[in-house]
PDB file of N, CA and C in Angstrom:
ATOM      1  N   UNK A   1      18.720   4.512  -3.305  1.00  0.00           N
ATOM      2  CA  UNK A   1      17.695   4.134  -2.552  1.00  0.00           C
ATOM      3  C   UNK A   1      16.971   3.176  -3.345  1.00  0.00           C
ATOM      4  N   UNK A   2      16.094   2.368  -2.602  1.00  0.00           N
ATOM      5  CA  UNK A   2      15.227   1.370  -3.256  1.00  0.00           C
ATOM      6  C   UNK A   2      13.800   2.036  -3.277  1.00  0.00           C
ATOM      7  N   UNK A   3      12.975   1.898  -4.280  1.00  0.00           N
ATOM      8  CA  UNK A   3      11.644   2.470  -4.403  1.00  0.00           C
ATOM      9  C   UNK A   3      10.680   1.181  -4.085  1.00  0.00           C
ATOM     10  N   UNK A   4       9.988   1.053  -2.795  1.00  0.00           N
ATOM     11  CA  UNK A   4       9.124  -0.089  -2.784  1.00  0.00           C
ATOM     12  C   UNK A   4       7.811   0.147  -3.186  1.00  0.00           C
ATOM     13  N   UNK A   5       7.408   1.154  -3.980  1.00  0.00           N
ATOM     14  CA  UNK A   5       5.925   1.562  -4.348  1.00  0.00           C
ATOM     15  C   UNK A   5       5.679   0.188  -5.274  1.00  0.00           C
ATOM     16  N   UNK A   6       6.117  -0.062  -6.322  1.00  0.00           N
ATOM     17  CA  UNK A   6       5.741  -1.126  -7.214  1.00  0.00           C
ATOM     18  C   UNK A   6       5.356  -2.529  -6.650  1.00  0.00           C
ATOM     19  N   UNK A   7       6.677  -2.726  -6.124  1.00  0.00           N
ATOM     20  CA  UNK A   7       6.450  -4.334  -5.068  1.00  0.00           C
ATOM     21  C   UNK A   7       4.942  -4.304  -4.043  1.00  0.00           C
ATOM     22  N   UNK A   8       4.991  -3.055  -3.280  1.00  0.00           N
ATOM     23  CA  UNK A   8       3.787  -2.915  -2.547  1.00  0.00           C
ATOM     24  C   UNK A   8       2.316  -3.096  -3.436  1.00  0.00           C
ATOM     25  N   UNK A   9       2.425  -2.216  -4.512  1.00  0.00           N
ATOM     26  CA  UNK A   9       1.170  -2.251  -5.154  1.00  0.00           C
ATOM     27  C   UNK A   9       0.880  -3.502  -5.581  1.00  0.00           C
ATOM     28  N   UNK A  10       1.840  -4.253  -6.394  1.00  0.00           N
ATOM     29  CA  UNK A  10       1.671  -5.644  -6.585  1.00  0.00           C
ATOM     30  C   UNK A  10       1.172  -6.406  -5.643  1.00  0.00           C
ATOM     31  N   UNK A  11       1.872  -6.573  -4.332  1.00  0.00           N
ATOM     32  CA  UNK A  11       1.269  -7.325  -3.327  1.00  0.00           C
ATOM     33  C   UNK A  11      -0.264  -6.911  -2.981  1.00  0.00           C
ATOM     34  N   UNK A  12      -0.447  -5.591  -2.831  1.00  0.00           N
ATOM     35  CA  UNK A  12      -1.848  -5.409  -2.444  1.00  0.00           C
ATOM     36  C   UNK A  12      -2.791  -5.698  -3.554  1.00  0.00           C
ATOM     37  N   UNK A  13      -2.629  -5.884  -5.153  1.00  0.00           N
ATOM     38  CA  UNK A  13      -3.414  -6.424  -6.062  1.00  0.00           C
ATOM     39  C   UNK A  13      -3.544  -7.647  -5.967  1.00  0.00           C
ATOM     40  N   UNK A  14      -2.656  -8.456  -5.899  1.00  0.00           N
ATOM     41  CA  UNK A  14      -2.380  -9.911  -5.737  1.00  0.00           C
ATOM     42  C   UNK A  14      -3.451 -10.406  -4.843  1.00  0.00           C
ATOM     43  N   UNK A  15      -3.682  -9.312  -3.487  1.00  0.00           N
ATOM     44  CA  UNK A  15      -4.559  -9.936  -2.407  1.00  0.00           C
ATOM     45  C   UNK A  15      -5.887  -9.025  -2.655  1.00  0.00           C
ATOM     46  N   UNK A  16      -6.311  -8.905  -3.906  1.00  0.00           N
ATOM     47  CA  UNK A  16      -7.706  -8.084  -3.904  1.00  0.00           C
ATOM     48  C   UNK A  16      -7.891  -6.831  -3.505  1.00  0.00           C
ATOM     49  N   UNK A  17      -6.677  -5.988  -3.125  1.00  0.00           N
ATOM     50  CA  UNK A  17      -6.887  -4.665  -2.672  1.00  0.00           C
ATOM     51  C   UNK A  17      -6.941  -3.810  -3.893  1.00  0.00           C
ATOM     52  N   UNK A  18      -7.867  -2.579  -3.873  1.00  0.00           N
ATOM     53  CA  UNK A  18      -7.868  -1.865  -5.244  1.00  0.00           C
ATOM     54  C   UNK A  18      -7.506  -0.547  -4.756  1.00  0.00           C
ATOM     55  N   UNK A  19      -7.040   0.254  -5.836  1.00  0.00           N
ATOM     56  CA  UNK A  19      -6.981   1.836  -5.727  1.00  0.00           C
ATOM     57  C   UNK A  19      -8.451   2.268  -5.708  1.00  0.00           C
ATOM     58  N   UNK A  20      -8.975   3.131  -4.996  1.00  0.00           N
ATOM     59  CA  UNK A  20     -10.296   3.993  -4.934  1.00  0.00           C
ATOM     60  C   UNK A  20     -10.320   4.980  -5.519  1.00  0.00           C
ATOM     61  N   UNK A  21      -9.040   6.095  -5.156  1.00  0.00           N
ATOM     62  CA  UNK A  21      -9.104   7.313  -5.828  1.00  0.00           C
ATOM     63  C   UNK A  21      -7.823   7.756  -5.468  1.00  0.00           C
ATOM     64  N   UNK A  22      -7.660   8.886  -6.087  1.00  0.00           N
ATOM     65  CA  UNK A  22      -6.378   9.708  -6.020  1.00  0.00           C
ATOM     66  C   UNK A  22      -6.421  10.486  -4.421  1.00  0.00           C
ATOM     67  N   UNK A  23      -5.241  10.601  -3.945  1.00  0.00           N
ATOM     68  CA  UNK A  23      -5.126  11.354  -2.583  1.00  0.00           C
ATOM     69  C   UNK A  23      -4.574  12.661  -2.863  1.00  0.00           C
ATOM     70  N   UNK A  24      -4.284  13.196  -1.982  1.00  0.00           N
ATOM     71  CA  UNK A  24      -3.536  14.561  -1.917  1.00  0.00           C
ATOM     72  C   UNK A  24      -2.131  14.423  -2.185  1.00  0.00           C
ATOM     73  N   UNK A  25      -1.484  15.216  -3.209  1.00  0.00           N
ATOM     74  CA  UNK A  25      -0.086  15.386  -3.458  1.00  0.00           C
ATOM     75  C   UNK A  25      -0.082  13.941  -4.353  1.00  0.00           C
ATOM     76  N   UNK A  26       1.032  13.142  -3.974  1.00  0.00           N
ATOM     77  CA  UNK A  26       1.525  11.745  -4.694  1.00  0.00           C
ATOM     78  C   UNK A  26       0.889  10.669  -4.201  1.00  0.00           C
ATOM     79  N   UNK A  27      -0.148  10.841  -3.449  1.00  0.00           N
ATOM     80  CA  UNK A  27      -0.766   9.519  -2.605  1.00  0.00           C
ATOM     81  C   UNK A  27      -2.025   8.917  -3.568  1.00  0.00           C
ATOM     82  N   UNK A  28      -2.188   7.833  -3.227  1.00  0.00           N
ATOM     83  CA  UNK A  28      -3.383   7.376  -3.722  1.00  0.00           C
ATOM     84  C   UNK A  28      -4.019   6.505  -2.411  1.00  0.00           C
ATOM     85  N   UNK A  29      -5.240   6.328  -2.500  1.00  0.00           N
ATOM     86  CA  UNK A  29      -6.300   5.934  -1.757  1.00  0.00           C
ATOM     87  C   UNK A  29      -6.744   4.456  -2.046  1.00  0.00           C
ATOM     88  N   UNK A  30      -6.376   3.346  -1.193  1.00  0.00           N
ATOM     89  CA  UNK A  30      -6.684   2.283  -1.452  1.00  0.00           C
ATOM     90  C   UNK A  30      -7.862   1.692  -0.601  1.00  0.00           C
ATOM     91  N   UNK A  31      -7.998   0.613  -0.916  1.00  0.00           N
ATOM     92  CA  UNK A  31      -9.415  -0.304  -0.043  1.00  0.00           C
ATOM     93  C   UNK A  31      -8.742  -1.578   0.047  1.00  0.00           C
ATOM     94  N   UNK A  32      -9.050  -2.071   1.463  1.00  0.00           N
ATOM     95  CA  UNK A  32      -8.519  -3.759   1.657  1.00  0.00           C
ATOM     96  C   UNK A  32      -9.908  -4.030   1.918  1.00  0.00           C
ATOM     97  N   UNK A  33     -10.417  -5.168   1.095  1.00  0.00           N
ATOM     98  CA  UNK A  33     -11.256  -6.255   1.832  1.00  0.00           C
ATOM     99  C   UNK A  33     -11.017  -7.032   2.904  1.00  0.00           C
ATOM    100  N   UNK A  34      -9.643  -7.053   2.971  1.00  0.00           N
ATOM    101  CA  UNK A  34      -9.380  -8.063   4.171  1.00  0.00           C
ATOM    102  C   UNK A  34      -9.713  -7.241   5.654  1.00  0.00           C
ATOM    103  N   UNK A  35      -9.141  -6.182   5.537  1.00  0.00           N
ATOM    104  CA  UNK A  35      -8.910  -5.325   6.923  1.00  0.00           C
ATOM    105  C   UNK A  35     -10.270  -4.208   6.882  1.00  0.00           C
ATOM    106  N   UNK A  36     -10.947  -4.174   5.701  1.00  0.00           N
ATOM    107  CA  UNK A  36     -12.040  -3.212   5.454  1.00  0.00           C
ATOM    108  C   UNK A  36     -11.858  -1.852   5.762  1.00  0.00           C
ATOM    109  N   UNK A  37     -10.692  -1.334   5.393  1.00  0.00           N
ATOM    110  CA  UNK A  37     -10.132  -0.190   5.588  1.00  0.00           C
ATOM    111  C   UNK A  37      -9.715   0.561   4.288  1.00  0.00           C
ATOM    112  N   UNK A  38      -9.797   1.765   4.113  1.00  0.00           N
ATOM    113  CA  UNK A  38      -9.370   2.501   3.382  1.00  0.00           C
ATOM    114  C   UNK A  38      -7.810   3.255   3.736  1.00  0.00           C
ATOM    115  N   UNK A  39      -6.653   3.177   3.160  1.00  0.00           N
ATOM    116  CA  UNK A  39      -5.662   3.532   3.317  1.00  0.00           C
ATOM    117  C   UNK A  39      -4.650   4.378   2.311  1.00  0.00           C
ATOM    118  N   UNK A  40      -3.656   5.274   2.781  1.00  0.00           N
ATOM    119  CA  UNK A  40      -3.144   5.804   1.665  1.00  0.00           C
ATOM    120  C   UNK A  40      -1.755   5.284   1.461  1.00  0.00           C
ATOM    121  N   UNK A  41      -1.460   5.241   0.083  1.00  0.00           N
ATOM    122  CA  UNK A  41      -0.287   4.755  -0.423  1.00  0.00           C
ATOM    123  C   UNK A  41       0.396   5.687  -1.161  1.00  0.00           C
ATOM    124  N   UNK A  42       1.844   5.769  -0.837  1.00  0.00           N
ATOM    125  CA  UNK A  42       2.585   6.939  -1.382  1.00  0.00           C
ATOM    126  C   UNK A  42       3.037   6.344  -2.793  1.00  0.00           C
ATOM    127  N   UNK A  43       3.555   7.133  -3.902  1.00  0.00           N
ATOM    128  CA  UNK A  43       3.882   6.910  -5.170  1.00  0.00           C
ATOM    129  C   UNK A  43       5.443   6.541  -4.875  1.00  0.00           C
ATOM    130  N   UNK A  44       5.920   7.176  -4.004  1.00  0.00           N
ATOM    131  CA  UNK A  44       7.629   6.763  -3.768  1.00  0.00           C
ATOM    132  C   UNK A  44       7.794   6.248  -2.427  1.00  0.00           C
ATOM    133  N   UNK A  45       7.690   5.155  -2.095  1.00  0.00           N
ATOM    134  CA  UNK A  45       8.040   4.646  -0.871  1.00  0.00           C
ATOM    135  C   UNK A  45       9.490   4.246  -0.794  1.00  0.00           C
ATOM    136  N   UNK A  46      10.144   4.893   0.025  1.00  0.00           N
ATOM    137  CA  UNK A  46      11.684   4.635   0.133  1.00  0.00           C
ATOM    138  C   UNK A  46      12.018   3.816   1.413  1.00  0.00           C
ATOM    139  N   UNK A  47      11.175   3.772   2.384  1.00  0.00           N
ATOM    140  CA  UNK A  47      11.333   2.908   3.581  1.00  0.00           C
ATOM    141  C   UNK A  47      10.934   1.668   3.786  1.00  0.00           C
ATOM    142  N   UNK A  48      11.456   0.522   3.970  1.00  0.00           N
ATOM    143  CA  UNK A  48      10.922  -0.640   4.226  1.00  0.00           C
ATOM    144  C   UNK A  48       9.848  -0.732   5.410  1.00  0.00           C
ATOM    145  N   UNK A  49       9.962   0.212   6.380  1.00  0.00           N
ATOM    146  CA  UNK A  49       9.075   0.248   7.768  1.00  0.00           C
ATOM    147  C   UNK A  49       7.902   0.883   7.063  1.00  0.00           C
ATOM    148  N   UNK A  50       7.844   1.842   6.130  1.00  0.00           N
ATOM    149  CA  UNK A  50       6.759   2.524   5.414  1.00  0.00           C
ATOM    150  C   UNK A  50       6.013   1.334   4.730  1.00  0.00           C
ATOM    151  N   UNK A  51       6.704   0.367   4.087  1.00  0.00           N
ATOM    152  CA  UNK A  51       6.117  -0.260   2.926  1.00  0.00           C
ATOM    153  C   UNK A  51       5.354  -1.531   3.963  1.00  0.00           C
ATOM    154  N   UNK A  52       6.076  -2.044   5.040  1.00  0.00           N
ATOM    155  CA  UNK A  52       5.446  -2.953   5.814  1.00  0.00           C
ATOM    156  C   UNK A  52       4.270  -2.193   6.543  1.00  0.00           C
ATOM    157  N   UNK A  53       4.235  -0.955   6.778  1.00  0.00           N
ATOM    158  CA  UNK A  53       3.251  -0.308   7.423  1.00  0.00           C
ATOM    159  C   UNK A  53       2.105  -0.417   6.805  1.00  0.00           C
ATOM    160  N   UNK A  54       2.108  -0.010   5.490  1.00  0.00           N
ATOM    161  CA  UNK A  54       0.984  -0.286   4.387  1.00  0.00           C
ATOM    162  C   UNK A  54       0.323  -1.572   4.545  1.00  0.00           C
ATOM    163  N   UNK A  55       1.071  -2.606   4.334  1.00  0.00           N
ATOM    164  CA  UNK A  55       0.858  -3.939   4.108  1.00  0.00           C
ATOM    165  C   UNK A  55       0.167  -4.233   5.625  1.00  0.00           C
ATOM    166  N   UNK A  56       0.521  -3.888   6.783  1.00  0.00           N
ATOM    167  CA  UNK A  56      -0.087  -3.912   7.783  1.00  0.00           C
ATOM    168  C   UNK A  56      -1.503  -3.291   7.962  1.00  0.00           C
ATOM    169  N   UNK A  57      -1.779  -2.033   7.275  1.00  0.00           N
ATOM    170  CA  UNK A  57      -3.032  -1.271   7.289  1.00  0.00           C
ATOM    171  C   UNK A  57      -3.902  -2.206   6.439  1.00  0.00           C
ATOM    172  N   UNK A  58      -3.701  -2.961   5.420  1.00  0.00           N
ATOM    173  CA  UNK A  58      -4.171  -3.787   4.399  1.00  0.00           C
ATOM    174  C   UNK A  58      -4.538  -5.033   5.225  1.00  0.00           C
ATOM    175  N   UNK A  59      -3.880  -5.492   6.066  1.00  0.00           N
ATOM    176  CA  UNK A  59      -4.187  -6.734   7.062  1.00  0.00           C
ATOM    177  C   UNK A  59      -3.298  -8.064   6.237  1.00  0.00           C
ATOM    178  N   UNK A  60      -2.129  -7.598   5.866  1.00  0.00           N
ATOM    179  CA  UNK A  60      -1.361  -8.446   5.373  1.00  0.00           C
ATOM    180  C   UNK A  60       0.044  -8.532   5.986  1.00  0.00           C
ATOM    181  N   UNK A  61       0.676  -9.401   5.991  1.00  0.00           N
ATOM    182  CA  UNK A  61       1.753  -9.750   6.925  1.00  0.00           C
ATOM    183  C   UNK A  61       3.025  -8.871   6.391  1.00  0.00           C
ATOM    184  N   UNK A  62       3.981  -8.591   7.052  1.00  0.00           N
ATOM    185  CA  UNK A  62       5.377  -7.942   6.394  1.00  0.00           C
ATOM    186  C   UNK A  62       5.876  -9.052   5.550  1.00  0.00           C
ATOM    187  N   UNK A  63       6.374  -8.139   4.533  1.00  0.00           N
ATOM    188  CA  UNK A  63       7.170  -8.959   3.515  1.00  0.00           C
ATOM    189  C   UNK A  63       8.636  -8.337   3.105  1.00  0.00           C
ATOM    190  N   UNK A  64       8.890  -7.113   3.944  1.00  0.00           N
ATOM    191  CA  UNK A  64      10.163  -6.431   3.555  1.00  0.00           C
ATOM    192  C   UNK A  64      10.967  -6.258   4.775  1.00  0.00           C
TER     193      UNK A  64
END
């Protein structure tokens, strides 16, 4: 299975999103200046649907 986490985090950083803090378990809490929201990002994203959902929360378009 593919791990989408590195690609999602790279896309988020390229769009000025940043990691705010560690979350519960293996999650990180990120902030998007585009959507002005905090959202969780898992360290092992196995589904393209989850990856696209995270990008949507950040105010970005689907890329997977």
